[in-house]
Amino acid sequence: MLGKTTNEFRPEEVRHGISRASKDSPAFFPFGWGPRICVGQNFALIEAKLALSNILQHFSFRLSSSYTHAPFPVSTLQPEYGAQIVLSKLTIA
């Protein structure tokens, strides 16, 4: 049941940051964690795997000749200028 102050903004609840406003940290993953997990997530992952395997069966990949190697650390290591990839359709003999 909702409390009396559900629709009121209370700044003291978020004074230490929004990530600490809730006792349960997974509460900020509305469709990815806990009781609110997306019901279609398993199907979507299977569908993505099938699509990727289909692409990998019919195409080969190589880096473009204009690619410049420049790693850029953010939260993960990424190419700073992107990675231009050339797809070539495989010929099946």
Protein backbone atom coordinates (compact mmCIF):
# COMPACT_ATOMS: atom_id res chain seq x y z
CA MET A 1 0.00 0.00 0.00
CA LEU A 2 1.25 3.49 -0.84
CA GLY A 3 2.14 5.89 1.93
CA LYS A 4 0.68 9.36 2.52
CA THR A 5 3.74 11.14 1.09
CA THR A 6 4.08 9.12 -2.12
CA ASN A 7 3.21 12.04 -4.39
CA GLU A 8 5.29 14.62 -2.49
CA PHE A 9 8.89 15.57 -3.25
CA ARG A 10 11.00 15.27 -0.11
CA PRO A 11 14.61 16.46 -0.72
CA GLU A 12 15.89 14.85 2.50
CA GLU A 13 15.31 11.44 0.92
CA VAL A 14 17.83 12.09 -1.85
CA ARG A 15 20.42 14.20 0.00
CA HIS A 16 23.03 11.40 -0.28
CA GLY A 17 22.33 10.79 -3.98
CA ILE A 18 19.60 9.06 -5.91
CA SER A 19 21.34 5.67 -5.78
CA ARG A 20 21.03 5.63 -1.99
CA ALA A 21 17.42 6.80 -1.91
CA SER A 22 16.17 3.23 -1.94
CA LYS A 23 17.08 0.41 0.42
CA ASP A 24 17.07 -2.04 -2.51
CA SER A 25 19.55 -0.92 -5.17
CA PRO A 26 18.03 -3.18 -7.87
CA ALA A 27 14.88 -1.06 -7.59
CA PHE A 28 16.44 1.21 -10.24
CA PHE A 29 16.39 -1.56 -12.88
CA PRO A 30 12.67 -1.56 -13.69
CA PHE A 31 12.77 -4.23 -16.42
CA GLY A 32 16.06 -5.96 -15.70
CA TRP A 33 16.02 -7.18 -12.12
CA GLY A 34 13.74 -8.56 -9.45
CA PRO A 35 9.97 -8.93 -9.63
CA ARG A 36 9.62 -6.44 -12.50
CA ILE A 37 11.88 -8.34 -14.90
CA CYS A 38 10.78 -8.16 -18.52
CA VAL A 39 8.71 -11.22 -19.44
CA GLY A 40 10.11 -11.21 -22.99
CA GLN A 41 13.78 -10.92 -22.02
CA ASN A 42 14.64 -14.60 -22.62
CA PHE A 43 12.89 -14.58 -25.98
CA ALA A 44 14.66 -11.35 -27.00
CA LEU A 45 18.08 -12.80 -26.11
CA ILE A 46 17.42 -15.99 -28.09
CA GLU A 47 16.21 -13.93 -31.03
CA ALA A 48 19.36 -11.76 -30.90
CA LYS A 49 21.60 -14.85 -30.80
CA LEU A 50 19.82 -16.33 -33.82
CA ALA A 51 20.14 -13.09 -35.78
CA LEU A 52 23.85 -12.79 -34.94
CA SER A 53 24.55 -16.42 -35.86
CA ASN A 54 22.73 -15.91 -39.17
CA ILE A 55 24.86 -12.84 -39.96
CA LEU A 56 28.08 -14.64 -39.01
CA GLN A 57 27.19 -17.56 -41.31
CA HIS A 58 26.72 -15.37 -44.39
CA PHE A 59 29.25 -12.54 -44.02
CA SER A 60 32.93 -12.03 -43.25
CA PHE A 61 34.25 -8.98 -41.42
CA ARG A 62 37.45 -6.95 -41.74
CA LEU A 63 38.57 -3.53 -40.57
CA SER A 64 38.46 -0.74 -43.12
CA SER A 65 41.76 0.61 -44.43
CA SER A 66 40.76 4.03 -43.04
CA TYR A 67 40.60 2.68 -39.46
CA THR A 68 42.87 4.54 -37.02
CA HIS A 69 43.70 2.71 -33.81
CA ALA A 70 42.98 5.09 -30.92
CA PRO A 71 41.70 3.38 -27.75
CA PHE A 72 39.58 5.63 -25.54
CA PRO A 73 38.92 4.58 -21.93
CA VAL A 74 35.41 5.41 -20.72
CA SER A 75 33.67 2.82 -18.57
CA THR A 76 34.88 0.30 -21.14
CA LEU A 77 37.69 0.52 -23.68
CA GLN A 78 36.30 1.86 -26.97
CA PRO A 79 37.80 3.12 -30.23
CA GLU A 80 37.81 6.93 -30.08
CA TYR A 81 36.88 7.42 -33.75
CA GLY A 82 34.73 4.32 -34.09
CA ALA A 83 35.62 1.11 -35.89
CA GLN A 84 34.77 1.08 -39.56
CA ILE A 85 34.05 -2.52 -40.51
CA VAL A 86 33.65 -3.86 -44.03
CA LEU A 87 31.21 -6.73 -44.51
CA SER A 88 31.72 -9.10 -47.41
CA LYS A 89 29.13 -11.65 -48.42
CA LEU A 90 30.52 -15.17 -48.28
CA THR A 91 30.28 -17.23 -51.43
CA ILE A 92 29.24 -20.78 -50.74
CA ALA A 93 30.72 -23.25 -53.19
